[in-house]
C-alpha atoms as a PDB file:
ATOM      1  CA  UNK A   1     111.493 176.779 -34.417  1.00  0.00           C
ATOM      2  CA  UNK A   2     108.245 178.078 -33.078  1.00  0.00           C
ATOM      3  CA  UNK A   3     106.647 175.764 -30.531  1.00  0.00           C
ATOM      4  CA  UNK A   4     103.867 178.094 -29.434  1.00  0.00           C
ATOM      5  CA  UNK A   5     100.295 176.886 -29.769  1.00  0.00           C
ATOM      6  CA  UNK A   6      97.915 178.605 -32.096  1.00  0.00           C
ATOM      7  CA  UNK A   7      94.165 178.876 -31.601  1.00  0.00           C
ATOM      8  CA  UNK A   8      93.365 175.887 -33.817  1.00  0.00           C
ATOM      9  CA  UNK A   9      95.765 173.622 -31.920  1.00  0.00           C
ATOM     10  CA  UNK A  10      94.274 174.790 -28.634  1.00  0.00           C
ATOM     11  CA  UNK A  11      90.738 174.030 -29.854  1.00  0.00           C
ATOM     12  CA  UNK A  12      91.676 170.538 -31.066  1.00  0.00           C
ATOM     13  CA  UNK A  13      93.383 169.760 -27.753  1.00  0.00           C
ATOM     14  CA  UNK A  14      90.348 171.009 -25.838  1.00  0.00           C
ATOM     15  CA  UNK A  15      87.958 168.928 -27.962  1.00  0.00           C
ATOM     16  CA  UNK A  16      90.112 165.814 -27.482  1.00  0.00           C
ATOM     17  CA  UNK A  17      90.287 166.387 -23.730  1.00  0.00           C
ATOM     18  CA  UNK A  18      86.518 166.914 -23.485  1.00  0.00           C
ATOM     19  CA  UNK A  19      85.832 163.786 -25.540  1.00  0.00           C
ATOM     20  CA  UNK A  20      88.181 161.693 -23.408  1.00  0.00           C
ATOM     21  CA  UNK A  21      86.630 162.981 -20.192  1.00  0.00           C
ATOM     22  CA  UNK A  22      83.103 162.226 -21.422  1.00  0.00           C
ATOM     23  CA  UNK A  23      83.531 158.982 -23.339  1.00  0.00           C
ATOM     24  CA  UNK A  24      86.779 157.277 -22.355  1.00  0.00           C
ATOM     25  CA  UNK A  25      87.572 158.131 -18.752  1.00  0.00           C
ATOM     26  CA  UNK A  26      84.345 156.729 -17.216  1.00  0.00           C
ATOM     27  CA  UNK A  27      84.944 153.294 -18.795  1.00  0.00           C
ATOM     28  CA  UNK A  28      88.728 153.175 -18.915  1.00  0.00           C
ATOM     29  CA  UNK A  29      89.285 150.779 -15.990  1.00  0.00           C
ATOM     30  CA  UNK A  30      86.671 148.335 -17.274  1.00  0.00           C
ATOM     31  CA  UNK A  31      88.247 148.332 -20.748  1.00  0.00           C
ATOM     32  CA  UNK A  32      91.721 147.973 -19.275  1.00  0.00           C
ATOM     33  CA  UNK A  33      90.700 144.979 -17.180  1.00  0.00           C
ATOM     34  CA  UNK A  34      88.978 143.289 -20.128  1.00  0.00           C
ATOM     35  CA  UNK A  35      91.859 144.276 -22.441  1.00  0.00           C
ATOM     36  CA  UNK A  36      89.545 145.694 -25.067  1.00  0.00           C
ATOM     37  CA  UNK A  37      88.837 149.114 -26.502  1.00  0.00           C
ATOM     38  CA  UNK A  38      85.479 149.506 -28.255  1.00  0.00           C
ATOM     39  CA  UNK A  39      85.544 150.310 -31.958  1.00  0.00           C
ATOM     40  CA  UNK A  40      82.693 152.791 -31.568  1.00  0.00           C
ATOM     41  CA  UNK A  41      85.072 155.155 -29.745  1.00  0.00           C
ATOM     42  CA  UNK A  42      87.292 155.330 -32.842  1.00  0.00           C
ATOM     43  CA  UNK A  43      84.223 155.959 -35.002  1.00  0.00           C
ATOM     44  CA  UNK A  44      83.121 158.813 -32.748  1.00  0.00           C
ATOM     45  CA  UNK A  45      86.613 160.321 -32.868  1.00  0.00           C
ATOM     46  CA  UNK A  46      86.475 160.081 -36.655  1.00  0.00           C
ATOM     47  CA  UNK A  47      83.222 162.048 -36.700  1.00  0.00           C
ATOM     48  CA  UNK A  48      85.081 164.783 -34.822  1.00  0.00           C
ATOM     49  CA  UNK A  49      87.877 164.711 -37.385  1.00  0.00           C
ATOM     50  CA  UNK A  50      90.447 163.223 -35.038  1.00  0.00           C
END
């Protein structure tokens, strides 16, 4: 089995990390305390193809 990462996998991981740092991380504690996760985040991820 080959477990090395190709360029496409690296780009997807980078895009996911950037998205999380910009859109999820700043609000994470607030969402955790209120026990909710806004639907618009899923919609934005969908626009990115994730």
